[in-house]
Amino acid sequence: EEEEEEEEEERKDLLHLLRIEELLVGCGDVCDTDIQGVESLFFPRLTKEVDCVGLWSNAAIDKSRPPGPAPEIPRVMREHFSYGGRVSLGRRPHDLYNAHYLDAPALVPVWTAEMVDGWADMCGKGTLG
């Protein structure tokens, strides 16, 4: 029984590693967290080459998950979530990350430039909410 549990964990780890590989397709420099920044006034400035078509055409990035509480971070993905151990991972209430459309269409599936500008204006005034 213990051997079966270990095999099941290894199978899950393999599936999570394959998921990581899917997510990295088209990501390029955006996903390279080891790039060092150049000192600037408040914090190091990073410059990266972005393959927008490759990044936004990756269906794995926008893949939804089943409804319900957000899952725990799988052990083989923790290194990625923690930026190679540079960021500590804390526990959060399950409902904190449980915001998604619950299999319903988005209220506003296409954001116009005017909408985004309006939200940015409200954010600057502290009235977005």
Foldseek 3Di string as FASTA:
>chain_A
DVVVVVVVLVVVLVVVVVLVVLQCFQCPPVLPLPDFFCDDDPGGDDDDDHPVCRNVVRVSVVDDDAQDFDDDQRPNCVCSVCVNVVRDDDDDPRVVPRDDDNPDDDPDNDDDPVNVVVQVVCVVVVNRD
